[in-house]
């Protein structure tokens, strides 16, 4: 049941139904109670977006300041998700800041810092994350700080890995894993684990 979220604000998001569908139910525990990575392959209309939202809700429950990056292979899909999440997550009861980052948009450091969710294309996340370690290639002010705060990466249409733009997806997945290890090592070194 949606009451398993144990948070009235989160439950309010799903007030139109009482229980998650079978795919969402199978993944609920892993998504909402662990840090384990999940790869989900399921047909269109099977509830994958809510699966991503459950992981997003957990991320914010654990660390309110953390960020999520949602990557869509096409601008049209990114804009669709942006519109949907601004309606659902950007208003009461959560009022989260959902930001689009594409070749058509740019944001100042404050907007990036205040964003809860960044919706972008693989190429744009590639540009932002590429210069993380030394601060180069960070054409967005505040991008390095934003990258450090990312705790959840959602890649839609990951099956495109084997197609023309797949190399960019592969690069950002590898880089994100590297950045994650680097940040975790910094936390351990600083005694913040």
C-alpha atoms as a PDB file:
ATOM      1  CA  UNK A   1       0.000   0.000   0.000  1.00  0.00           C
ATOM      2  CA  UNK A   2       1.037   3.605  -0.528  1.00  0.00           C
ATOM      3  CA  UNK A   3       0.865   4.016   3.264  1.00  0.00           C
ATOM      4  CA  UNK A   4       4.204   2.113   3.359  1.00  0.00           C
ATOM      5  CA  UNK A   5       5.821   5.466   2.512  1.00  0.00           C
ATOM      6  CA  UNK A   6       5.110   6.441   6.154  1.00  0.00           C
ATOM      7  CA  UNK A   7       5.010  10.115   5.235  1.00  0.00           C
ATOM      8  CA  UNK A   8       1.692  11.956   4.746  1.00  0.00           C
ATOM      9  CA  UNK A   9       3.206  14.360   2.203  1.00  0.00           C
ATOM     10  CA  UNK A  10       4.592  11.501   0.113  1.00  0.00           C
ATOM     11  CA  UNK A  11       1.380   9.493   0.409  1.00  0.00           C
ATOM     12  CA  UNK A  12      -0.608  12.513  -0.811  1.00  0.00           C
ATOM     13  CA  UNK A  13       1.217  12.268  -4.156  1.00  0.00           C
ATOM     14  CA  UNK A  14      -0.434   8.894  -4.751  1.00  0.00           C
ATOM     15  CA  UNK A  15      -3.890   9.612  -3.342  1.00  0.00           C
ATOM     16  CA  UNK A  16      -5.550   8.410  -6.576  1.00  0.00           C
ATOM     17  CA  UNK A  17      -4.706   4.798  -5.708  1.00  0.00           C
ATOM     18  CA  UNK A  18      -4.200   2.784  -2.530  1.00  0.00           C
ATOM     19  CA  UNK A  19      -1.538   0.318  -3.661  1.00  0.00           C
ATOM     20  CA  UNK A  20       1.427   0.384  -5.973  1.00  0.00           C
ATOM     21  CA  UNK A  21       1.308  -1.879  -9.024  1.00  0.00           C
ATOM     22  CA  UNK A  22       3.158  -5.258  -8.988  1.00  0.00           C
ATOM     23  CA  UNK A  23       6.441  -3.896 -10.436  1.00  0.00           C
ATOM     24  CA  UNK A  24       6.486  -0.980  -7.990  1.00  0.00           C
ATOM     25  CA  UNK A  25       5.584  -3.282  -5.100  1.00  0.00           C
ATOM     26  CA  UNK A  26       8.381  -5.739  -5.946  1.00  0.00           C
ATOM     27  CA  UNK A  27      10.951  -2.956  -5.975  1.00  0.00           C
ATOM     28  CA  UNK A  28       9.572  -0.871  -3.106  1.00  0.00           C
ATOM     29  CA  UNK A  29      11.789  -2.214  -0.314  1.00  0.00           C
ATOM     30  CA  UNK A  30      15.022  -1.900  -2.300  1.00  0.00           C
ATOM     31  CA  UNK A  31      14.106   1.584  -3.542  1.00  0.00           C
ATOM     32  CA  UNK A  32      12.784   3.033  -0.295  1.00  0.00           C
ATOM     33  CA  UNK A  33      14.966   1.348   2.301  1.00  0.00           C
ATOM     34  CA  UNK A  34      18.388   0.745   0.710  1.00  0.00           C
ATOM     35  CA  UNK A  35      21.086   2.451  -1.355  1.00  0.00           C
ATOM     36  CA  UNK A  36      21.288  -0.405  -3.845  1.00  0.00           C
ATOM     37  CA  UNK A  37      21.342   0.445  -7.545  1.00  0.00           C
ATOM     38  CA  UNK A  38      18.372  -0.726  -9.600  1.00  0.00           C
ATOM     39  CA  UNK A  39      18.163  -1.469 -13.306  1.00  0.00           C
ATOM     40  CA  UNK A  40      14.566  -1.789 -14.440  1.00  0.00           C
ATOM     41  CA  UNK A  41      13.536  -3.013 -17.852  1.00  0.00           C
ATOM     42  CA  UNK A  42       9.757  -2.896 -18.256  1.00  0.00           C
ATOM     43  CA  UNK A  43       7.276  -1.991 -20.995  1.00  0.00           C
ATOM     44  CA  UNK A  44       5.848   1.472 -21.580  1.00  0.00           C
ATOM     45  CA  UNK A  45       3.000   2.182 -19.176  1.00  0.00           C
ATOM     46  CA  UNK A  46       4.212  -0.255 -16.527  1.00  0.00           C
ATOM     47  CA  UNK A  47       4.884   2.394 -13.870  1.00  0.00           C
ATOM     48  CA  UNK A  48       8.600   3.017 -14.251  1.00  0.00           C
ATOM     49  CA  UNK A  49       8.202   6.730 -13.496  1.00  0.00           C
ATOM     50  CA  UNK A  50       6.682   5.970 -10.091  1.00  0.00           C
ATOM     51  CA  UNK A  51       9.552   3.542  -9.457  1.00  0.00           C
ATOM     52  CA  UNK A  52      11.953   6.452 -10.042  1.00  0.00           C
ATOM     53  CA  UNK A  53       9.824   8.657  -7.796  1.00  0.00           C
ATOM     54  CA  UNK A  54       9.976   6.130  -4.943  1.00  0.00           C
ATOM     55  CA  UNK A  55      13.783   6.239  -5.122  1.00  0.00           C
ATOM     56  CA  UNK A  56      13.612  10.041  -5.255  1.00  0.00           C
ATOM     57  CA  UNK A  57      11.354  10.178  -2.193  1.00  0.00           C
ATOM     58  CA  UNK A  58      13.793   8.001  -0.251  1.00  0.00           C
ATOM     59  CA  UNK A  59      16.716  10.161  -1.288  1.00  0.00           C
ATOM     60  CA  UNK A  60      14.960  13.292   0.024  1.00  0.00           C
ATOM     61  CA  UNK A  61      13.768  11.499   3.178  1.00  0.00           C
ATOM     62  CA  UNK A  62      17.365  10.535   4.003  1.00  0.00           C
ATOM     63  CA  UNK A  63      18.990  13.846   2.992  1.00  0.00           C
ATOM     64  CA  UNK A  64      16.795  16.866   2.226  1.00  0.00           C
ATOM     65  CA  UNK A  65      19.690  18.721   0.558  1.00  0.00           C
ATOM     66  CA  UNK A  66      20.518  15.952  -1.893  1.00  0.00           C
ATOM     67  CA  UNK A  67      19.896  16.257  -5.633  1.00  0.00           C
ATOM     68  CA  UNK A  68      18.545  13.967  -8.319  1.00  0.00           C
ATOM     69  CA  UNK A  69      19.526  14.032 -11.969  1.00  0.00           C
ATOM     70  CA  UNK A  70      17.005  12.616 -14.413  1.00  0.00           C
ATOM     71  CA  UNK A  71      18.449  11.961 -17.867  1.00  0.00           C
ATOM     72  CA  UNK A  72      16.218  11.546 -20.886  1.00  0.00           C
ATOM     73  CA  UNK A  73      17.638  10.753 -24.328  1.00  0.00           C
ATOM     74  CA  UNK A  74      15.416  13.280 -26.107  1.00  0.00           C
ATOM     75  CA  UNK A  75      14.562  16.897 -25.305  1.00  0.00           C
ATOM     76  CA  UNK A  76      10.892  16.108 -25.845  1.00  0.00           C
ATOM     77  CA  UNK A  77      10.956  13.352 -23.204  1.00  0.00           C
ATOM     78  CA  UNK A  78      12.921  15.582 -20.830  1.00  0.00           C
ATOM     79  CA  UNK A  79      10.354  18.364 -21.247  1.00  0.00           C
ATOM     80  CA  UNK A  80       7.496  15.923 -20.682  1.00  0.00           C
ATOM     81  CA  UNK A  81       9.076  14.720 -17.411  1.00  0.00           C
ATOM     82  CA  UNK A  82       9.883  18.322 -16.416  1.00  0.00           C
ATOM     83  CA  UNK A  83       6.264  19.375 -16.913  1.00  0.00           C
ATOM     84  CA  UNK A  84       4.911  16.337 -15.055  1.00  0.00           C
ATOM     85  CA  UNK A  85       7.286  16.667 -12.101  1.00  0.00           C
ATOM     86  CA  UNK A  86       6.798  20.436 -11.804  1.00  0.00           C
ATOM     87  CA  UNK A  87       3.070  19.706 -11.474  1.00  0.00           C
ATOM     88  CA  UNK A  88       3.481  16.776  -9.090  1.00  0.00           C
ATOM     89  CA  UNK A  89       6.627  17.540  -7.082  1.00  0.00           C
ATOM     90  CA  UNK A  90       7.043  21.284  -7.587  1.00  0.00           C
ATOM     91  CA  UNK A  91       3.800  22.179  -5.839  1.00  0.00           C
ATOM     92  CA  UNK A  92       2.248  21.428  -2.465  1.00  0.00           C
ATOM     93  CA  UNK A  93       2.901  19.363  -0.494  1.00  0.00           C
ATOM     94  CA  UNK A  94       6.606  19.082  -1.503  1.00  0.00           C
ATOM     95  CA  UNK A  95       7.422  22.316  -3.373  1.00  0.00           C
ATOM     96  CA  UNK A  96      10.625  20.892  -4.804  1.00  0.00           C
ATOM     97  CA  UNK A  97      12.524  22.840  -7.452  1.00  0.00           C
ATOM     98  CA  UNK A  98      12.580  20.960 -10.758  1.00  0.00           C
ATOM     99  CA  UNK A  99      14.973  22.455 -13.282  1.00  0.00           C
ATOM    100  CA  UNK A 100      15.613  21.724 -16.943  1.00  0.00           C
ATOM    101  CA  UNK A 101      19.116  21.913 -18.285  1.00  0.00           C
ATOM    102  CA  UNK A 102      19.443  21.599 -22.025  1.00  0.00           C
ATOM    103  CA  UNK A 103      21.134  23.384 -24.878  1.00  0.00           C
ATOM    104  CA  UNK A 104      18.185  25.797 -24.817  1.00  0.00           C
ATOM    105  CA  UNK A 105      18.513  26.737 -21.150  1.00  0.00           C
ATOM    106  CA  UNK A 106      21.128  28.049 -18.775  1.00  0.00           C
ATOM    107  CA  UNK A 107      20.909  28.751 -15.063  1.00  0.00           C
ATOM    108  CA  UNK A 108      22.885  30.723 -12.569  1.00  0.00           C
ATOM    109  CA  UNK A 109      24.675  29.219  -9.591  1.00  0.00           C
ATOM    110  CA  UNK A 110      21.824  29.984  -7.197  1.00  0.00           C
ATOM    111  CA  UNK A 111      19.242  28.197  -9.374  1.00  0.00           C
ATOM    112  CA  UNK A 112      21.445  25.101  -9.553  1.00  0.00           C
ATOM    113  CA  UNK A 113      22.109  25.188  -5.815  1.00  0.00           C
ATOM    114  CA  UNK A 114      18.390  25.432  -5.025  1.00  0.00           C
ATOM    115  CA  UNK A 115      17.319  22.734  -7.476  1.00  0.00           C
ATOM    116  CA  UNK A 116      16.130  19.420  -6.090  1.00  0.00           C
ATOM    117  CA  UNK A 117      15.810  17.676  -9.442  1.00  0.00           C
ATOM    118  CA  UNK A 118      17.708  18.403 -12.638  1.00  0.00           C
ATOM    119  CA  UNK A 119      16.138  17.136 -15.854  1.00  0.00           C
ATOM    120  CA  UNK A 120      18.568  17.007 -18.758  1.00  0.00           C
ATOM    121  CA  UNK A 121      19.798  15.174 -21.824  1.00  0.00           C
ATOM    122  CA  UNK A 122      22.814  12.828 -21.725  1.00  0.00           C
ATOM    123  CA  UNK A 123      24.957  15.317 -23.614  1.00  0.00           C
ATOM    124  CA  UNK A 124      24.238  18.127 -21.149  1.00  0.00           C
ATOM    125  CA  UNK A 125      24.995  15.947 -18.096  1.00  0.00           C
ATOM    126  CA  UNK A 126      28.147  14.788 -19.866  1.00  0.00           C
ATOM    127  CA  UNK A 127      29.285  18.421 -20.194  1.00  0.00           C
ATOM    128  CA  UNK A 128      28.437  19.249 -16.580  1.00  0.00           C
ATOM    129  CA  UNK A 129      30.029  16.187 -15.021  1.00  0.00           C
ATOM    130  CA  UNK A 130      33.082  16.020 -17.281  1.00  0.00           C
ATOM    131  CA  UNK A 131      35.151  18.630 -15.465  1.00  0.00           C
ATOM    132  CA  UNK A 132      34.074  17.646 -11.979  1.00  0.00           C
ATOM    133  CA  UNK A 133      37.469  16.730 -10.566  1.00  0.00           C
ATOM    134  CA  UNK A 134      39.424  19.803 -11.554  1.00  0.00           C
ATOM    135  CA  UNK A 135      36.595  22.264 -12.224  1.00  0.00           C
ATOM    136  CA  UNK A 136      37.362  22.563 -15.921  1.00  0.00           C
ATOM    137  CA  UNK A 137      34.690  22.329 -18.609  1.00  0.00           C
ATOM    138  CA  UNK A 138      32.149  23.509 -16.055  1.00  0.00           C
ATOM    139  CA  UNK A 139      30.323  25.903 -18.316  1.00  0.00           C
ATOM    140  CA  UNK A 140      27.537  26.301 -15.733  1.00  0.00           C
ATOM    141  CA  UNK A 141      28.342  28.372 -12.637  1.00  0.00           C
ATOM    142  CA  UNK A 142      27.936  26.207  -9.523  1.00  0.00           C
ATOM    143  CA  UNK A 143      27.987  22.972 -11.518  1.00  0.00           C
ATOM    144  CA  UNK A 144      30.784  21.362  -9.497  1.00  0.00           C
ATOM    145  CA  UNK A 145      28.956  21.940  -6.205  1.00  0.00           C
ATOM    146  CA  UNK A 146      25.753  20.604  -7.764  1.00  0.00           C
ATOM    147  CA  UNK A 147      27.485  17.447  -8.999  1.00  0.00           C
ATOM    148  CA  UNK A 148      28.805  16.817  -5.475  1.00  0.00           C
ATOM    149  CA  UNK A 149      25.258  16.940  -4.081  1.00  0.00           C
ATOM    150  CA  UNK A 150      23.807  14.419  -6.555  1.00  0.00           C
ATOM    151  CA  UNK A 151      22.697  11.277  -4.733  1.00  0.00           C
ATOM    152  CA  UNK A 152      20.386   9.775  -7.354  1.00  0.00           C
ATOM    153  CA  UNK A 153      20.865   9.346 -11.083  1.00  0.00           C
ATOM    154  CA  UNK A 154      17.861   8.190 -13.097  1.00  0.00           C
ATOM    155  CA  UNK A 155      18.513   7.323 -16.729  1.00  0.00           C
ATOM    156  CA  UNK A 156      15.429   6.828 -18.840  1.00  0.00           C
ATOM    157  CA  UNK A 157      15.597   4.668 -21.964  1.00  0.00           C
ATOM    158  CA  UNK A 158      18.911   3.080 -20.912  1.00  0.00           C
ATOM    159  CA  UNK A 159      18.414   0.452 -23.609  1.00  0.00           C
ATOM    160  CA  UNK A 160      19.729   3.089 -26.033  1.00  0.00           C
ATOM    161  CA  UNK A 161      23.183   2.240 -24.684  1.00  0.00           C
ATOM    162  CA  UNK A 162      23.764   0.071 -27.749  1.00  0.00           C
ATOM    163  CA  UNK A 163      22.779   2.778 -30.231  1.00  0.00           C
ATOM    164  CA  UNK A 164      24.457   5.849 -31.711  1.00  0.00           C
ATOM    165  CA  UNK A 165      24.261   7.994 -28.562  1.00  0.00           C
ATOM    166  CA  UNK A 166      25.106   5.054 -26.319  1.00  0.00           C
ATOM    167  CA  UNK A 167      28.731   6.093 -25.920  1.00  0.00           C
ATOM    168  CA  UNK A 168      27.646   9.245 -24.090  1.00  0.00           C
ATOM    169  CA  UNK A 169      25.404   7.200 -21.775  1.00  0.00           C
ATOM    170  CA  UNK A 170      28.243   4.792 -21.084  1.00  0.00           C
ATOM    171  CA  UNK A 171      30.608   7.678 -20.331  1.00  0.00           C
ATOM    172  CA  UNK A 172      28.244   9.373 -17.889  1.00  0.00           C
ATOM    173  CA  UNK A 173      27.453   6.127 -16.061  1.00  0.00           C
ATOM    174  CA  UNK A 174      31.185   5.377 -15.687  1.00  0.00           C
ATOM    175  CA  UNK A 175      31.985   8.943 -14.682  1.00  0.00           C
ATOM    176  CA  UNK A 176      29.134   9.048 -12.179  1.00  0.00           C
ATOM    177  CA  UNK A 177      30.390   5.861 -10.531  1.00  0.00           C
ATOM    178  CA  UNK A 178      33.899   7.372 -10.386  1.00  0.00           C
ATOM    179  CA  UNK A 179      32.588  10.624  -8.865  1.00  0.00           C
ATOM    180  CA  UNK A 180      30.573   8.653  -6.325  1.00  0.00           C
ATOM    181  CA  UNK A 181      33.648   6.700  -5.225  1.00  0.00           C
ATOM    182  CA  UNK A 182      35.687   9.911  -5.046  1.00  0.00           C
ATOM    183  CA  UNK A 183      33.079  11.682  -2.899  1.00  0.00           C
ATOM    184  CA  UNK A 184      32.713   8.666  -0.604  1.00  0.00           C
ATOM    185  CA  UNK A 185      36.494   8.494  -0.188  1.00  0.00           C
ATOM    186  CA  UNK A 186      36.551  12.228   0.699  1.00  0.00           C
ATOM    187  CA  UNK A 187      33.823  11.678   3.304  1.00  0.00           C
ATOM    188  CA  UNK A 188      35.682   8.761   4.868  1.00  0.00           C
ATOM    189  CA  UNK A 189      38.900  10.773   4.919  1.00  0.00           C
ATOM    190  CA  UNK A 190      37.053  13.654   6.594  1.00  0.00           C
ATOM    191  CA  UNK A 191      35.388  11.270   9.053  1.00  0.00           C
ATOM    192  CA  UNK A 192      31.838  12.008   7.798  1.00  0.00           C
ATOM    193  CA  UNK A 193      30.884   8.422   6.981  1.00  0.00           C
END
